[in-house]
Amino acid sequence: MRDKGYTVKEIELDPYNFQEQLKQSGAQVVFNAVHGLYGEDGRLQSVLEMLDMPYTGSGVGASAIAMDKFATKRVLVGSGIPTPKSLFLYRKEKYKEDQVQKILRTFGVPVVIKPADQGSSIGMSIIKDAAALSEAL
């Protein structure tokens, strides 16, 4: 952006002081390069919208839905867009061994285990043998 002649002020995001950071930076537009929480889940976007500050990337709703893999899957499937086979499990389901068996029946191994609401690789496990499933859950 600097090479294109723009004045750039980098901010290392402090979510609890973001509004003040933004004010001190003198920004007129925010180029959002924050990944995961805050940057991709709609929180940062909602603050920027409340401040009427233009920003790059998706809006609040799209960001919030895309960060939630279950919500994204429902939107895509509901829109007729094919998606890979998946299985959603809930932490409140008490019997991990039942979950393990359900995963093995549905997919076998190898299988990828991911939290539904984290960034692309945070908390992800690639399971190559059934013995590691319980720990990944």
Protein backbone atom coordinates (compact mmCIF):
# COMPACT_ATOMS: atom_id res chain seq x y z
CA MET A 1 0.00 0.00 0.00
CA ARG A 2 2.92 2.30 0.74
CA ASP A 3 4.30 1.58 -2.73
CA LYS A 4 1.01 2.87 -4.13
CA GLY A 5 1.41 6.15 -2.25
CA TYR A 6 -0.90 5.53 0.69
CA THR A 7 -0.01 6.63 4.20
CA VAL A 8 -0.04 3.49 6.34
CA LYS A 9 -0.24 3.27 10.11
CA GLU A 10 0.08 -0.25 11.47
CA ILE A 11 -1.83 -1.14 14.61
CA GLU A 12 -1.19 -4.24 16.69
CA LEU A 13 -4.75 -4.94 17.73
CA ASP A 14 -5.67 -4.59 21.37
CA PRO A 15 -9.37 -5.53 21.23
CA TYR A 16 -10.18 -3.74 24.48
CA ASN A 17 -8.60 -0.47 23.35
CA PHE A 18 -9.21 -0.69 19.61
CA GLN A 19 -11.39 2.39 19.41
CA GLU A 20 -8.67 4.48 21.09
CA GLN A 21 -5.97 2.90 18.92
CA LEU A 22 -7.98 3.80 15.86
CA LYS A 23 -8.49 7.37 17.05
CA GLN A 24 -4.78 7.83 17.78
CA SER A 25 -3.80 6.42 14.38
CA GLY A 26 -5.81 9.01 12.49
CA ALA A 27 -7.04 6.29 10.15
CA GLN A 28 -9.63 7.10 7.53
CA VAL A 29 -9.95 3.53 6.25
CA VAL A 30 -9.04 0.24 7.94
CA PHE A 31 -7.30 -2.48 5.95
CA ASN A 32 -8.23 -5.49 8.05
CA ALA A 33 -5.42 -8.04 8.16
CA VAL A 34 -6.39 -9.58 11.52
CA HIS A 35 -7.04 -13.33 11.41
CA GLY A 36 -9.19 -15.41 13.73
CA LEU A 37 -11.02 -13.85 16.64
CA TYR A 38 -11.90 -10.19 16.18
CA GLY A 39 -10.60 -9.92 12.61
CA GLU A 40 -12.65 -12.64 10.99
CA ASP A 41 -15.61 -13.17 13.31
CA GLY A 42 -17.41 -9.85 12.83
CA ARG A 43 -16.37 -8.18 16.10
CA LEU A 44 -13.86 -5.78 14.58
CA GLN A 45 -16.24 -5.08 11.71
CA SER A 46 -19.09 -4.25 14.09
CA VAL A 47 -16.93 -1.69 15.94
CA LEU A 48 -15.88 -0.16 12.64
CA GLU A 49 -19.49 0.04 11.47
CA MET A 50 -20.58 1.69 14.74
CA LEU A 51 -17.82 4.25 14.17
CA ASP A 52 -18.87 4.68 10.53
CA MET A 53 -15.30 3.79 9.52
CA PRO A 54 -14.80 2.22 6.07
CA TYR A 55 -12.89 -1.08 6.04
CA THR A 56 -11.80 -3.84 3.72
CA GLY A 57 -13.21 -7.35 3.69
CA SER A 58 -16.55 -8.88 4.50
CA GLY A 59 -19.17 -7.24 6.68
CA VAL A 60 -20.37 -8.23 10.15
CA GLY A 61 -22.91 -10.86 9.15
CA ALA A 62 -20.81 -12.62 6.54
CA SER A 63 -17.81 -12.64 8.87
CA ALA A 64 -19.76 -14.03 11.81
CA ILE A 65 -21.34 -16.77 9.71
CA ALA A 66 -18.09 -17.72 7.98
CA MET A 67 -16.25 -18.02 11.30
CA ASP A 68 -18.84 -20.56 12.50
CA LYS A 69 -18.32 -23.71 10.46
CA PHE A 70 -21.73 -25.13 11.40
CA ALA A 71 -23.56 -21.94 10.37
CA THR A 72 -21.54 -21.76 7.15
CA LYS A 73 -22.39 -25.37 6.33
CA ARG A 74 -26.10 -24.71 6.86
CA VAL A 75 -26.03 -21.63 4.61
CA LEU A 76 -24.12 -23.43 1.85
CA VAL A 77 -26.23 -26.59 1.92
CA GLY A 78 -29.42 -24.49 2.13
CA SER A 79 -28.27 -22.65 -0.99
CA GLY A 80 -27.67 -25.88 -2.88
CA ILE A 81 -23.87 -25.62 -2.77
CA PRO A 82 -22.16 -28.99 -2.38
CA THR A 83 -19.93 -29.35 0.67
CA PRO A 84 -17.68 -32.12 1.96
CA LYS A 85 -19.14 -34.74 4.27
CA SER A 86 -19.03 -33.57 7.89
CA LEU A 87 -20.22 -34.42 11.35
CA PHE A 88 -20.93 -31.87 14.07
CA LEU A 89 -20.43 -32.97 17.65
CA TYR A 90 -21.17 -30.99 20.78
CA ARG A 91 -19.01 -30.63 23.86
CA LYS A 92 -22.06 -31.14 26.07
CA GLU A 93 -22.47 -34.65 24.65
CA LYS A 94 -21.14 -36.59 27.59
CA TYR A 95 -19.81 -39.80 26.17
CA LYS A 96 -16.62 -39.25 24.18
CA GLU A 97 -16.39 -42.93 23.32
CA ASP A 98 -19.79 -42.71 21.62
CA GLN A 99 -18.47 -39.71 19.65
CA VAL A 100 -15.33 -41.62 18.73
CA GLN A 101 -17.38 -44.53 17.43
CA LYS A 102 -19.65 -42.17 15.50
CA ILE A 103 -16.62 -40.59 13.81
CA LEU A 104 -15.09 -43.97 12.99
CA ARG A 105 -18.39 -45.24 11.52
CA THR A 106 -18.86 -42.06 9.47
CA PHE A 107 -15.31 -41.43 8.24
CA GLY A 108 -12.79 -43.94 9.51
CA VAL A 109 -9.24 -42.62 9.71
CA PRO A 110 -7.49 -40.45 8.74
CA VAL A 111 -9.91 -37.72 9.78
CA VAL A 112 -9.65 -34.01 10.58
CA ILE A 113 -11.09 -32.69 13.86
CA LYS A 114 -11.71 -28.94 14.10
CA PRO A 115 -13.47 -26.61 16.52
CA ALA A 116 -16.54 -25.09 14.90
CA ASP A 117 -15.69 -21.52 15.81
CA GLN A 118 -11.94 -20.99 15.59
CA GLY A 119 -9.65 -19.89 12.80
CA SER A 120 -8.65 -22.16 9.97
CA SER A 121 -6.04 -24.16 11.87
CA ILE A 122 -6.48 -23.27 15.55
CA GLY A 123 -7.34 -26.38 17.53
CA MET A 124 -7.27 -28.59 14.45
CA SER A 125 -6.05 -32.18 14.67
CA ILE A 126 -5.31 -34.59 11.85
CA ILE A 127 -6.01 -38.03 13.27
CA LYS A 128 -4.26 -40.95 11.63
CA ASP A 129 -5.21 -43.68 14.08
CA ALA A 130 -8.33 -44.27 16.13
CA ALA A 131 -6.49 -44.21 19.46
CA ALA A 132 -5.81 -40.45 19.07
CA LEU A 133 -9.46 -39.52 18.50
CA SER A 134 -10.53 -39.26 22.12
CA GLU A 135 -7.68 -36.90 22.99
CA ALA A 136 -8.41 -34.69 19.97
CA LEU A 137 -12.03 -34.36 21.07
